[in-house]
C-alpha atoms as a PDB file:
ATOM      1  CA  MET A   1       1.370  42.629  -9.790  1.00  0.00           C
ATOM      2  CA  LEU A   2      -1.382  42.796 -12.394  1.00  0.00           C
ATOM      3  CA  LYS A   3      -3.996  42.429  -9.666  1.00  0.00           C
ATOM      4  CA  SER A   4      -2.581  45.438  -7.718  1.00  0.00           C
ATOM      5  CA  LEU A   5      -2.480  47.546 -10.886  1.00  0.00           C
ATOM      6  CA  ALA A   6      -6.110  46.686 -11.638  1.00  0.00           C
ATOM      7  CA  ILE A   7      -7.170  47.749  -8.087  1.00  0.00           C
ATOM      8  CA  LEU A   8      -5.329  51.104  -8.506  1.00  0.00           C
ATOM      9  CA  VAL A   9      -7.079  51.768 -11.796  1.00  0.00           C
ATOM     10  CA  PHE A  10     -10.451  50.905 -10.231  1.00  0.00           C
ATOM     11  CA  LEU A  11      -9.861  53.442  -7.403  1.00  0.00           C
ATOM     12  CA  LEU A  12      -8.971  56.154  -9.970  1.00  0.00           C
ATOM     13  CA  ALA A  13     -12.235  55.449 -11.797  1.00  0.00           C
ATOM     14  CA  ILE A  14     -14.231  55.893  -8.563  1.00  0.00           C
ATOM     15  CA  LEU A  15     -12.442  59.185  -7.835  1.00  0.00           C
ATOM     16  CA  GLN A  16     -13.244  60.430 -11.347  1.00  0.00           C
ATOM     17  CA  ALA A  17     -16.910  59.566 -10.890  1.00  0.00           C
ATOM     18  CA  LEU A  18     -17.165  61.437  -7.527  1.00  0.00           C
ATOM     19  CA  ASN A  19     -15.630  64.770  -8.867  1.00  0.00           C
ATOM     20  CA  PRO A  20     -17.864  66.637 -11.443  1.00  0.00           C
ATOM     21  CA  ALA A  21     -16.331  68.290 -14.476  1.00  0.00           C
ATOM     22  CA  PRO A  22     -15.199  71.895 -13.766  1.00  0.00           C
ATOM     23  CA  ARG A  23     -17.425  74.753 -15.060  1.00  0.00           C
ATOM     24  CA  ARG A  24     -16.047  77.673 -16.953  1.00  0.00           C
ATOM     25  CA  ALA A  25     -15.954  80.969 -15.111  1.00  0.00           C
ATOM     26  CA  THR A  26     -18.694  83.166 -16.608  1.00  0.00           C
ATOM     27  CA  THR A  27     -17.845  86.108 -14.442  1.00  0.00           C
ATOM     28  CA  SER A  28     -14.507  86.479 -16.019  1.00  0.00           C
ATOM     29  CA  ALA A  29     -16.092  86.305 -19.427  1.00  0.00           C
ATOM     30  CA  ARG A  30     -18.615  88.889 -18.451  1.00  0.00           C
ATOM     31  CA  ASN A  31     -16.028  91.135 -16.954  1.00  0.00           C
ATOM     32  CA  GLY A  32     -13.969  90.676 -19.996  1.00  0.00           C
ATOM     33  CA  GLY A  33     -16.972  91.636 -22.129  1.00  0.00           C
ATOM     34  CA  SER A  34     -17.590  94.775 -20.108  1.00  0.00           C
ATOM     35  CA  ASN A  35     -13.961  95.685 -20.276  1.00  0.00           C
ATOM     36  CA  ASP A  36     -14.024  95.178 -23.993  1.00  0.00           C
ATOM     37  CA  LYS A  37     -17.152  97.333 -24.225  1.00  0.00           C
ATOM     38  CA  SER A  38     -15.620 100.158 -22.217  1.00  0.00           C
ATOM     39  CA  SER A  39     -12.464  99.979 -24.181  1.00  0.00           C
ATOM     40  CA  SER A  40     -14.427 100.103 -27.371  1.00  0.00           C
ATOM     41  CA  GLN A  41     -16.394 103.100 -26.137  1.00  0.00           C
ATOM     42  CA  GLY A  42     -13.193 104.858 -25.211  1.00  0.00           C
ATOM     43  CA  ASN A  43     -11.906 104.283 -28.640  1.00  0.00           C
ATOM     44  CA  GLN A  44     -15.041 105.601 -30.343  1.00  0.00           C
ATOM     45  CA  ASN A  45     -13.833 109.167 -29.881  1.00  0.00           C
ATOM     46  CA  THR A  46     -10.836 108.558 -32.005  1.00  0.00           C
ATOM     47  CA  ALA A  47     -12.222 105.994 -34.386  1.00  0.00           C
ATOM     48  CA  SER A  48     -14.065 106.775 -37.545  1.00  0.00           C
ATOM     49  CA  PRO A  49     -17.855 106.910 -37.358  1.00  0.00           C
ATOM     50  CA  THR A  50     -19.550 103.610 -37.954  1.00  0.00           C
ATOM     51  CA  SER A  51     -22.075 103.029 -40.667  1.00  0.00           C
ATOM     52  CA  PRO A  52     -25.713 102.622 -39.702  1.00  0.00           C
ATOM     53  CA  LEU A  53     -26.946  99.074 -39.511  1.00  0.00           C
ATOM     54  CA  VAL A  54     -30.084  99.815 -41.556  1.00  0.00           C
ATOM     55  CA  ASN A  55     -29.859 100.580 -45.231  1.00  0.00           C
ATOM     56  CA  PRO A  56     -31.101 104.139 -45.827  1.00  0.00           C
ATOM     57  CA  LYS A  57     -32.480 103.152 -49.178  1.00  0.00           C
ATOM     58  CA  ILE A  58     -35.231 101.223 -47.445  1.00  0.00           C
ATOM     59  CA  LYS A  59     -38.236 103.492 -46.919  1.00  0.00           C
ATOM     60  CA  ALA A  60     -40.584 103.334 -43.970  1.00  0.00           C
ATOM     61  CA  VAL A  61     -43.948 101.774 -44.588  1.00  0.00           C
ATOM     62  CA  PRO A  62     -46.785 104.301 -43.966  1.00  0.00           C
ATOM     63  CA  ALA A  63     -49.513 103.366 -41.579  1.00  0.00           C
ATOM     64  CA  ASP A  64     -53.035 102.646 -42.824  1.00  0.00           C
ATOM     65  CA  PRO A  65     -55.425 105.376 -41.752  1.00  0.00           C
ATOM     66  CA  HIS A  66     -58.090 102.751 -41.237  1.00  0.00           C
ATOM     67  CA  GLY A  67     -55.905 100.899 -38.745  1.00  0.00           C
ATOM     68  CA  HIS A  68     -54.851  98.064 -41.020  1.00  0.00           C
ATOM     69  CA  ASP A  69     -51.327  96.759 -40.845  1.00  0.00           C
ATOM     70  CA  VAL A  70     -49.619  97.663 -44.038  1.00  0.00           C
ATOM     71  CA  ALA A  71     -46.551  95.507 -43.124  1.00  0.00           C
ATOM     72  CA  ALA A  72     -48.574  92.352 -43.591  1.00  0.00           C
ATOM     73  CA  GLU A  73     -49.043  93.245 -47.155  1.00  0.00           C
ATOM     74  CA  THR A  74     -45.355  93.640 -47.642  1.00  0.00           C
ATOM     75  CA  THR A  75     -44.353  90.414 -45.831  1.00  0.00           C
ATOM     76  CA  ASN A  76     -43.210  88.719 -48.951  1.00  0.00           C
ATOM     77  CA  THR A  77     -41.095  91.642 -49.990  1.00  0.00           C
ATOM     78  CA  GLU A  78     -37.350  90.856 -50.044  1.00  0.00           C
ATOM     79  CA  HIS A  79     -35.019  93.176 -48.085  1.00  0.00           C
ATOM     80  CA  SER A  80     -31.281  93.198 -47.868  1.00  0.00           C
ATOM     81  CA  VAL A  81     -29.330  93.879 -44.652  1.00  0.00           C
ATOM     82  CA  LYS A  82     -25.688  94.815 -44.716  1.00  0.00           C
ATOM     83  CA  ILE A  83     -23.428  94.130 -41.738  1.00  0.00           C
ATOM     84  CA  THR A  84     -20.525  96.474 -41.832  1.00  0.00           C
ATOM     85  CA  SER A  85     -18.597  95.309 -38.709  1.00  0.00           C
ATOM     86  CA  VAL A  86     -18.432  92.502 -36.067  1.00  0.00           C
ATOM     87  CA  PRO A  87     -18.276  93.300 -32.379  1.00  0.00           C
ATOM     88  CA  PRO A  88     -14.851  92.544 -30.957  1.00  0.00           C
ATOM     89  CA  ILE A  89     -14.551  89.250 -28.987  1.00  0.00           C
ATOM     90  CA  ALA A  90     -11.905  88.902 -26.308  1.00  0.00           C
ATOM     91  CA  ILE A  91     -10.286  85.396 -25.827  1.00  0.00           C
ATOM     92  CA  THR A  92      -8.566  84.884 -22.509  1.00  0.00           C
ATOM     93  CA  ASP A  93      -6.578  81.808 -21.285  1.00  0.00           C
ATOM     94  CA  ILE A  94      -8.036  80.336 -18.088  1.00  0.00           C
ATOM     95  CA  HIS A  95      -5.344  78.867 -15.801  1.00  0.00           C
ATOM     96  CA  LYS A  96      -6.371  75.546 -14.143  1.00  0.00           C
ATOM     97  CA  PRO A  97      -4.554  73.642 -11.353  1.00  0.00           C
ATOM     98  CA  TRP A  98      -2.745  70.366 -12.173  1.00  0.00           C
ATOM     99  CA  TRP A  99      -5.274  68.115 -10.513  1.00  0.00           C
ATOM    100  CA  GLU A 100      -8.005  69.370 -12.868  1.00  0.00           C
ATOM    101  CA  TYR A 101      -5.806  68.315 -15.782  1.00  0.00           C
ATOM    102  CA  PHE A 102      -5.281  64.987 -14.040  1.00  0.00           C
ATOM    103  CA  LEU A 103      -9.030  64.527 -13.643  1.00  0.00           C
ATOM    104  CA  ASP A 104      -9.647  65.561 -17.236  1.00  0.00           C
ATOM    105  CA  TRP A 105      -7.084  63.085 -18.590  1.00  0.00           C
ATOM    106  CA  GLY A 106      -7.417  60.436 -15.851  1.00  0.00           C
ATOM    107  CA  GLN A 107     -10.151  58.506 -17.597  1.00  0.00           C
ATOM    108  CA  TRP A 108      -8.051  58.325 -20.739  1.00  0.00           C
ATOM    109  CA  VAL A 109      -5.026  57.230 -18.754  1.00  0.00           C
ATOM    110  CA  PHE A 110      -7.192  54.676 -16.934  1.00  0.00           C
ATOM    111  CA  ALA A 111      -8.571  53.384 -20.216  1.00  0.00           C
ATOM    112  CA  GLY A 112      -5.056  53.167 -21.658  1.00  0.00           C
ATOM    113  CA  VAL A 113      -3.655  51.384 -18.603  1.00  0.00           C
ATOM    114  CA  LEU A 114      -6.646  49.040 -18.538  1.00  0.00           C
ATOM    115  CA  ALA A 115      -6.199  48.285 -22.213  1.00  0.00           C
ATOM    116  CA  TYR A 116      -2.479  47.671 -21.686  1.00  0.00           C
ATOM    117  CA  VAL A 117      -3.144  45.395 -18.731  1.00  0.00           C
ATOM    118  CA  GLY A 118      -5.772  43.509 -20.712  1.00  0.00           C
ATOM    119  CA  TRP A 119      -3.399  43.191 -23.654  1.00  0.00           C
ATOM    120  CA  GLN A 120      -0.656  41.863 -21.387  1.00  0.00           C
ATOM    121  CA  GLN A 121      -3.090  39.428 -19.844  1.00  0.00           C
ATOM    122  CA  VAL A 122      -4.168  38.259 -23.279  1.00  0.00           C
ATOM    123  CA  ARG A 123      -0.516  37.803 -24.280  1.00  0.00           C
ATOM    124  CA  LEU A 124       0.190  35.916 -21.064  1.00  0.00           C
ATOM    125  CA  LEU A 125      -2.867  33.722 -21.533  1.00  0.00           C
ATOM    126  CA  ARG A 126      -1.939  33.066 -25.130  1.00  0.00           C
ATOM    127  CA  ARG A 127       1.603  32.141 -24.097  1.00  0.00           C
ATOM    128  CA  GLN A 128       0.309  29.854 -21.356  1.00  0.00           C
ATOM    129  CA  GLU A 129      -2.135  28.338 -23.823  1.00  0.00           C
ATOM    130  CA  LYS A 130       0.706  27.635 -26.257  1.00  0.00           C
ATOM    131  CA  ILE A 131       2.822  26.153 -23.469  1.00  0.00           C
ATOM    132  CA  LEU A 132      -0.060  23.988 -22.237  1.00  0.00           C
ATOM    133  CA  PHE A 133      -0.933  22.939 -25.754  1.00  0.00           C
ATOM    134  CA  GLY A 134       2.691  21.991 -26.422  1.00  0.00           C
ATOM    135  CA  ALA A 135       2.884  20.133 -23.092  1.00  0.00           C
ATOM    136  CA  ARG A 136      -0.398  18.343 -23.848  1.00  0.00           C
ATOM    137  CA  LYS A 137       0.855  17.404 -27.295  1.00  0.00           C
ATOM    138  CA  GLU A 138       4.146  16.164 -25.844  1.00  0.00           C
ATOM    139  CA  ILE A 139       2.293  14.182 -23.172  1.00  0.00           C
ATOM    140  CA  HIS A 140       0.117  12.551 -25.828  1.00  0.00           C
ATOM    141  CA  THR A 141       3.241  11.773 -27.871  1.00  0.00           C
ATOM    142  CA  GLN A 142       4.965  10.284 -24.844  1.00  0.00           C
ATOM    143  CA  ALA A 143       1.828   8.311 -24.012  1.00  0.00           C
ATOM    144  CA  ARG A 144       1.792   6.853 -27.529  1.00  0.00           C
ATOM    145  CA  HIS A 145       5.486   6.013 -27.282  1.00  0.00           C
ATOM    146  CA  MET A 146       4.979   4.419 -23.859  1.00  0.00           C
ATOM    147  CA  SER A 147       2.010   2.448 -25.138  1.00  0.00           C
ATOM    148  CA  ARG A 148       4.072   1.262 -28.089  1.00  0.00           C
ATOM    149  CA  GLN A 149       6.964   0.391 -25.797  1.00  0.00           C
ATOM    150  CA  ALA A 150       4.577  -1.458 -23.485  1.00  0.00           C
ATOM    151  CA  ASP A 151       3.263  -3.463 -26.435  1.00  0.00           C
ATOM    152  CA  LEU A 152       6.810  -4.194 -27.574  1.00  0.00           C
ATOM    153  CA  MET A 153       7.810  -5.182 -24.049  1.00  0.00           C
ATOM    154  CA  SER A 154       4.751  -7.389 -23.751  1.00  0.00           C
ATOM    155  CA  SER A 155       5.534  -9.094 -27.042  1.00  0.00           C
ATOM    156  CA  ASN A 156       9.193  -9.327 -26.059  1.00  0.00           C
ATOM    157  CA  ASN A 157       8.191 -10.833 -22.725  1.00  0.00           C
ATOM    158  CA  GLU A 158       6.045 -13.387 -24.495  1.00  0.00           C
ATOM    159  CA  VAL A 159       8.886 -14.197 -26.882  1.00  0.00           C
ATOM    160  CA  ALA A 160      11.338 -14.323 -23.974  1.00  0.00           C
ATOM    161  CA  LEU A 161       8.963 -16.568 -22.038  1.00  0.00           C
ATOM    162  CA  VAL A 162       8.593 -18.875 -25.000  1.00  0.00           C
ATOM    163  CA  SER A 163      12.361 -18.833 -25.503  1.00  0.00           C
ATOM    164  CA  ALA A 164      12.932 -19.467 -21.791  1.00  0.00           C
ATOM    165  CA  ASN A 165      10.510 -22.375 -21.820  1.00  0.00           C
ATOM    166  CA  ALA A 166      12.149 -23.749 -24.949  1.00  0.00           C
ATOM    167  CA  ALA A 167      15.587 -23.300 -23.395  1.00  0.00           C
ATOM    168  CA  LYS A 168      14.370 -24.951 -20.197  1.00  0.00           C
ATOM    169  CA  ASP A 169      12.958 -27.859 -22.146  1.00  0.00           C
ATOM    170  CA  SER A 170      16.171 -28.108 -24.151  1.00  0.00           C
ATOM    171  CA  ALA A 171      18.253 -27.974 -20.975  1.00  0.00           C
ATOM    172  CA  LYS A 172      16.058 -30.595 -19.368  1.00  0.00           C
ATOM    173  CA  ALA A 173      16.347 -32.811 -22.431  1.00  0.00           C
ATOM    174  CA  ALA A 174      20.123 -32.266 -22.476  1.00  0.00           C
ATOM    175  CA  ASN A 175      20.344 -33.071 -18.755  1.00  0.00           C
ATOM    176  CA  ASP A 176      18.251 -36.158 -19.273  1.00  0.00           C
ATOM    177  CA  GLN A 177      20.514 -37.233 -22.101  1.00  0.00           C
ATOM    178  CA  ILE A 178      23.594 -36.534 -19.992  1.00  0.00           C
ATOM    179  CA  LYS A 179      22.121 -38.429 -17.080  1.00  0.00           C
ATOM    180  CA  MET A 180      21.137 -41.309 -19.324  1.00  0.00           C
ATOM    181  CA  MET A 181      24.607 -41.341 -20.834  1.00  0.00           C
ATOM    182  CA  LYS A 182      26.197 -41.312 -17.374  1.00  0.00           C
ATOM    183  CA  GLU A 183      23.915 -44.086 -16.204  1.00  0.00           C
ATOM    184  CA  LYS A 184      24.844 -46.067 -19.266  1.00  0.00           C
ATOM    185  CA  GLU A 185      28.569 -45.438 -19.072  1.00  0.00           C
ATOM    186  CA  ARG A 186      29.156 -45.464 -15.318  1.00  0.00           C
ATOM    187  CA  ALA A 187      30.465 -48.373 -13.279  1.00  0.00           C
ATOM    188  CA  ARG A 188      27.851 -50.598 -11.640  1.00  0.00           C
ATOM    189  CA  ILE A 189      28.841 -53.317  -9.145  1.00  0.00           C
ATOM    190  CA  GLN A 190      26.709 -56.391  -8.723  1.00  0.00           C
ATOM    191  CA  VAL A 191      26.842 -58.234  -5.356  1.00  0.00           C
ATOM    192  CA  THR A 192      25.975 -61.945  -5.206  1.00  0.00           C
ATOM    193  CA  PRO A 193      26.396 -64.363  -2.254  1.00  0.00           C
ATOM    194  CA  LEU A 194      27.521 -67.821  -3.394  1.00  0.00           C
ATOM    195  CA  ASP A 195      25.338 -70.829  -2.596  1.00  0.00           C
ATOM    196  CA  PHE A 196      26.532 -73.669  -0.312  1.00  0.00           C
ATOM    197  CA  ASP A 197      24.799 -76.760   1.067  1.00  0.00           C
ATOM    198  CA  ALA A 198      27.163 -78.051   3.794  1.00  0.00           C
ATOM    199  CA  VAL A 199      28.651 -76.621   7.017  1.00  0.00           C
ATOM    200  CA  ASP A 200      31.250 -77.736   9.531  1.00  0.00           C
ATOM    201  CA  PRO A 201      30.099 -77.256  13.112  1.00  0.00           C
ATOM    202  CA  THR A 202      33.607 -77.676  14.408  1.00  0.00           C
ATOM    203  CA  GLU A 203      35.049 -74.448  12.917  1.00  0.00           C
ATOM    204  CA  PRO A 204      33.919 -71.034  11.723  1.00  0.00           C
ATOM    205  CA  ASN A 205      32.231 -71.102   8.363  1.00  0.00           C
ATOM    206  CA  LYS A 206      32.547 -68.623   5.502  1.00  0.00           C
ATOM    207  CA  ILE A 207      29.899 -67.214   3.206  1.00  0.00           C
ATOM    208  CA  MET A 208      31.565 -66.216  -0.034  1.00  0.00           C
ATOM    209  CA  ILE A 209      30.370 -63.015  -1.774  1.00  0.00           C
ATOM    210  CA  GLU A 210      31.186 -62.197  -5.355  1.00  0.00           C
ATOM    211  CA  PHE A 211      31.568 -58.610  -6.680  1.00  0.00           C
ATOM    212  CA  VAL A 212      31.385 -57.963 -10.431  1.00  0.00           C
ATOM    213  CA  ASN A 213      31.615 -54.583 -12.201  1.00  0.00           C
ATOM    214  CA  ILE A 214      28.971 -54.937 -14.881  1.00  0.00           C
ATOM    215  CA  GLY A 215      29.429 -51.354 -16.146  1.00  0.00           C
ATOM    216  CA  PRO A 216      31.583 -50.275 -19.115  1.00  0.00           C
ATOM    217  CA  THR A 217      33.985 -48.155 -17.030  1.00  0.00           C
ATOM    218  CA  ASN A 218      36.106 -48.668 -13.948  1.00  0.00           C
ATOM    219  CA  ALA A 219      34.954 -48.366 -10.356  1.00  0.00           C
ATOM    220  CA  PHE A 220      37.328 -46.509  -8.053  1.00  0.00           C
ATOM    221  CA  ASP A 221      37.820 -46.426  -4.279  1.00  0.00           C
ATOM    222  CA  VAL A 222      35.743 -49.561  -3.717  1.00  0.00           C
ATOM    223  CA  ARG A 223      34.943 -50.330  -0.098  1.00  0.00           C
ATOM    224  CA  VAL A 224      32.628 -53.056   1.286  1.00  0.00           C
ATOM    225  CA  GLU A 225      31.259 -53.709   4.764  1.00  0.00           C
ATOM    226  CA  ALA A 226      29.175 -56.809   5.546  1.00  0.00           C
ATOM    227  CA  GLY A 227      28.078 -59.284   8.186  1.00  0.00           C
ATOM    228  CA  ALA A 228      26.232 -62.624   8.445  1.00  0.00           C
ATOM    229  CA  LYS A 229      23.624 -64.087  10.824  1.00  0.00           C
ATOM    230  CA  VAL A 230      22.120 -67.580  11.295  1.00  0.00           C
ATOM    231  CA  THR A 231      18.741 -68.124  12.926  1.00  0.00           C
ATOM    232  CA  VAL A 232      17.294 -71.518  13.959  1.00  0.00           C
ATOM    233  CA  ASP A 233      13.610 -71.676  14.759  1.00  0.00           C
ATOM    234  CA  GLY A 234      13.215 -71.725  18.539  1.00  0.00           C
ATOM    235  CA  LEU A 235      16.867 -70.936  19.304  1.00  0.00           C
ATOM    236  CA  LYS A 236      18.838 -67.762  19.861  1.00  0.00           C
ATOM    237  CA  PRO A 237      20.353 -66.345  16.597  1.00  0.00           C
ATOM    238  CA  GLU A 238      24.066 -66.497  16.021  1.00  0.00           C
ATOM    239  CA  GLN A 239      25.332 -63.249  14.478  1.00  0.00           C
ATOM    240  CA  GLY A 240      28.783 -62.741  13.077  1.00  0.00           C
ATOM    241  CA  GLU A 241      30.877 -59.591  13.128  1.00  0.00           C
ATOM    242  CA  TYR A 242      30.011 -56.712  10.796  1.00  0.00           C
ATOM    243  CA  THR A 243      33.375 -55.755   9.322  1.00  0.00           C
ATOM    244  CA  ASP A 244      35.262 -54.536   6.230  1.00  0.00           C
ATOM    245  CA  LEU A 245      35.817 -57.043   3.493  1.00  0.00           C
ATOM    246  CA  ALA A 246      39.036 -57.565   1.602  1.00  0.00           C
ATOM    247  CA  VAL A 247      38.063 -56.225  -1.835  1.00  0.00           C
ATOM    248  CA  PRO A 248      40.358 -54.480  -4.360  1.00  0.00           C
ATOM    249  CA  THR A 249      39.811 -50.733  -4.515  1.00  0.00           C
ATOM    250  CA  LEU A 250      39.744 -50.851  -8.321  1.00  0.00           C
ATOM    251  CA  LEU A 251      37.190 -53.010 -10.081  1.00  0.00           C
ATOM    252  CA  LYS A 252      37.536 -53.240 -13.826  1.00  0.00           C
ATOM    253  CA  PRO A 253      34.602 -54.020 -16.115  1.00  0.00           C
ATOM    254  CA  GLU A 254      33.493 -57.654 -16.266  1.00  0.00           C
ATOM    255  CA  LYS A 255      36.155 -58.769 -13.782  1.00  0.00           C
ATOM    256  CA  ALA A 256      34.860 -60.672 -10.754  1.00  0.00           C
ATOM    257  CA  GLU A 257      36.346 -60.235  -7.293  1.00  0.00           C
ATOM    258  CA  SER A 258      35.295 -62.216  -4.233  1.00  0.00           C
ATOM    259  CA  SER A 259      35.489 -62.009  -0.472  1.00  0.00           C
ATOM    260  CA  TRP A 260      33.682 -63.614   2.475  1.00  0.00           C
ATOM    261  CA  VAL A 261      31.930 -63.033   5.746  1.00  0.00           C
ATOM    262  CA  VAL A 262      32.358 -65.375   8.729  1.00  0.00           C
ATOM    263  CA  TRP A 263      29.517 -67.040  10.637  1.00  0.00           C
ATOM    264  CA  ASP A 264      29.321 -69.864  13.188  1.00  0.00           C
ATOM    265  CA  PHE A 265      27.110 -72.978  13.364  1.00  0.00           C
ATOM    266  CA  PRO A 266      27.462 -74.103  17.014  1.00  0.00           C
ATOM    267  CA  ARG A 267      27.984 -77.769  17.754  1.00  0.00           C
ATOM    268  CA  ARG A 268      25.068 -77.751  20.222  1.00  0.00           C
ATOM    269  CA  TRP A 269      22.722 -76.981  17.392  1.00  0.00           C
ATOM    270  CA  ARG A 270      23.679 -80.281  15.821  1.00  0.00           C
ATOM    271  CA  ASP A 271      22.548 -82.068  18.985  1.00  0.00           C
ATOM    272  CA  GLU A 272      19.480 -79.886  19.603  1.00  0.00           C
ATOM    273  CA  VAL A 273      18.187 -79.765  16.080  1.00  0.00           C
ATOM    274  CA  VAL A 274      16.929 -83.328  15.966  1.00  0.00           C
ATOM    275  CA  ASP A 275      13.989 -82.522  13.739  1.00  0.00           C
ATOM    276  CA  ASP A 276      15.086 -82.778  10.185  1.00  0.00           C
ATOM    277  CA  ARG A 277      12.388 -80.238   9.294  1.00  0.00           C
ATOM    278  CA  ALA A 278      13.734 -77.440  11.507  1.00  0.00           C
ATOM    279  CA  LYS A 279      13.612 -73.967   9.886  1.00  0.00           C
ATOM    280  CA  ILE A 280      17.022 -72.333   9.482  1.00  0.00           C
ATOM    281  CA  ILE A 281      17.612 -68.846   7.957  1.00  0.00           C
ATOM    282  CA  PHE A 282      20.944 -67.517   6.702  1.00  0.00           C
ATOM    283  CA  GLU A 283      21.229 -63.724   6.147  1.00  0.00           C
ATOM    284  CA  VAL A 284      23.975 -61.531   4.675  1.00  0.00           C
ATOM    285  CA  VAL A 285      23.734 -57.762   5.106  1.00  0.00           C
ATOM    286  CA  GLY A 286      26.226 -55.184   3.841  1.00  0.00           C
ATOM    287  CA  GLN A 287      27.015 -51.899   2.055  1.00  0.00           C
ATOM    288  CA  ILE A 288      29.275 -51.116  -0.892  1.00  0.00           C
ATOM    289  CA  LYS A 289      30.695 -47.701  -1.717  1.00  0.00           C
ATOM    290  CA  TYR A 290      32.553 -46.688  -4.890  1.00  0.00           C
ATOM    291  CA  ARG A 291      33.238 -43.791  -7.268  1.00  0.00           C
ATOM    292  CA  ASP A 292      32.612 -43.864 -11.008  1.00  0.00           C
ATOM    293  CA  VAL A 293      34.513 -42.279 -13.900  1.00  0.00           C
ATOM    294  CA  PHE A 294      32.300 -39.144 -13.723  1.00  0.00           C
ATOM    295  CA  ASP A 295      33.491 -38.572 -10.139  1.00  0.00           C
ATOM    296  CA  THR A 296      30.101 -39.474  -8.696  1.00  0.00           C
ATOM    297  CA  THR A 297      30.060 -41.457  -5.476  1.00  0.00           C
ATOM    298  CA  HIS A 298      27.577 -44.329  -5.152  1.00  0.00           C
ATOM    299  CA  ILE A 299      26.510 -45.998  -1.903  1.00  0.00           C
ATOM    300  CA  GLU A 300      24.404 -49.130  -2.241  1.00  0.00           C
ATOM    301  CA  ASP A 301      23.057 -51.505   0.423  1.00  0.00           C
ATOM    302  CA  PHE A 302      22.488 -55.197  -0.146  1.00  0.00           C
ATOM    303  CA  PHE A 303      20.393 -57.708   1.844  1.00  0.00           C
ATOM    304  CA  TYR A 304      20.258 -61.387   0.985  1.00  0.00           C
ATOM    305  CA  ARG A 305      18.562 -64.375   2.655  1.00  0.00           C
ATOM    306  CA  MET A 306      18.679 -68.177   2.215  1.00  0.00           C
ATOM    307  CA  ASN A 307      16.047 -70.543   3.661  1.00  0.00           C
ATOM    308  CA  VAL A 308      16.820 -74.096   4.886  1.00  0.00           C
ATOM    309  CA  TYR A 309      14.049 -76.503   5.983  1.00  0.00           C
ATOM    310  CA  GLY A 310      16.271 -79.073   7.746  1.00  0.00           C
ATOM    311  CA  ILE A 311      19.694 -80.722   8.228  1.00  0.00           C
ATOM    312  CA  GLU A 312      21.175 -84.163   8.109  1.00  0.00           C
ATOM    313  CA  ASP A 313      24.425 -85.625   9.330  1.00  0.00           C
ATOM    314  CA  MET A 314      27.277 -86.376   6.995  1.00  0.00           C
ATOM    315  CA  PRO A 315      30.670 -88.078   7.449  1.00  0.00           C
ATOM    316  CA  HIS A 316      33.594 -86.167   8.901  1.00  0.00           C
ATOM    317  CA  ASN A 317      31.347 -84.155  11.247  1.00  0.00           C
ATOM    318  CA  SER A 318      29.734 -82.281   8.378  1.00  0.00           C
ATOM    319  CA  VAL A 319      26.111 -81.219   8.304  1.00  0.00           C
ATOM    320  CA  LYS A 320      24.166 -81.216   5.082  1.00  0.00           C
ATOM    321  CA  LEU A 321      21.647 -78.379   4.578  1.00  0.00           C
ATOM    322  CA  LYS A 322      18.330 -79.083   2.981  1.00  0.00           C
ATOM    323  CA  LEU A 323      17.894 -75.958   0.889  1.00  0.00           C
ATOM    324  CA  MET A 324      14.371 -74.662   0.506  1.00  0.00           C
ATOM    325  CA  ARG A 325      15.263 -71.367  -1.215  1.00  0.00           C
ATOM    326  CA  LYS A 326      18.634 -70.128  -2.372  1.00  0.00           C
ATOM    327  CA  TRP A 327      20.023 -66.607  -1.843  1.00  0.00           C
ATOM    328  CA  HIS A 328      17.485 -63.913  -2.679  1.00  0.00           C
ATOM    329  CA  PRO A 329      17.147 -60.207  -1.827  1.00  0.00           C
ATOM    330  CA  PHE A 330      14.849 -59.194   1.024  1.00  0.00           C
ATOM    331  CA  ASP A 331      13.760 -55.967   2.722  1.00  0.00           C
ATOM    332  CA  LEU A 332      15.523 -55.278   5.979  1.00  0.00           C
ATOM    333  CA  HIS A 333      13.196 -53.867   8.634  1.00  0.00           C
ATOM    334  CA  PRO A 334      14.491 -51.528  11.337  1.00  0.00           C
ATOM    335  CA  GLY A 335      15.593 -53.350  14.485  1.00  0.00           C
ATOM    336  CA  GLU A 336      16.169 -56.693  12.797  1.00  0.00           C
ATOM    337  CA  TRP A 337      19.911 -56.238  12.793  1.00  0.00           C
ATOM    338  CA  LYS A 338      22.107 -54.771  15.549  1.00  0.00           C
ATOM    339  CA  PHE A 339      25.724 -54.162  14.647  1.00  0.00           C
END
């Protein structure tokens, strides 16, 4: 809106510059003067006679008979002149059209409008400047607050990270202590095959296995599976059945329970093994499963082996084993046992 008003004022200024200022009508003045003169002449018949313009007391200066100008000699002489009346002056009102008044006052109106527009623009600019200054100040204040908050958040994050690490370390230490306590207090079953040095080829033989809870608490839901195998160097192995053993489901601390696995020493081996240095291997393989007082289930495998370097006959059809190494744990390789 201000831009349109400025364009309108500019066009008015151009129009004022193209139209010259109106001249006063001299003819009317002259006519008026002649009319005043005629009217004054008409009134001379009735008016009183006017006084002469020259003072009669002033005498005429005689001429010099030799042709010299006598007036030059009297130049410095002071004379007084009396004006008895002023010629009448007629004042008439000249009627002008409205557009001449508009052109006469247009430049003042233009100047006033231009000044008003400039004043409004200055006010608007000042208001915008105050608004921008306030916004800039508020932005700087917010920036300082945000920077302070960022620093506080950074420090809080560092403190939280340190606290989290400390809490993690504390939790880990607590878990380690709990785990150590559970490991110390839980049930733990030890499996041990019992040694023997004689077999009866005429009937199935038993390998006794002892189970002892060496932990301070009870073992619940105990279950054992096991099997036995005998291998003679140069002969086909004899493997017993892999089956469940008769073990109590509750094993109390320091109380031993035993069971057995069955294996067979064929009679033909007694006739075929004539070398008293024949290598014979006895193996017991099994798995025990139980639950401790912390309701954790444990599954443990056990593998034991006994080495014999020969046999010898004994009375009553018994065979004496020459033990080279008693029961000892060994690593079971895949494919060595087939159940």
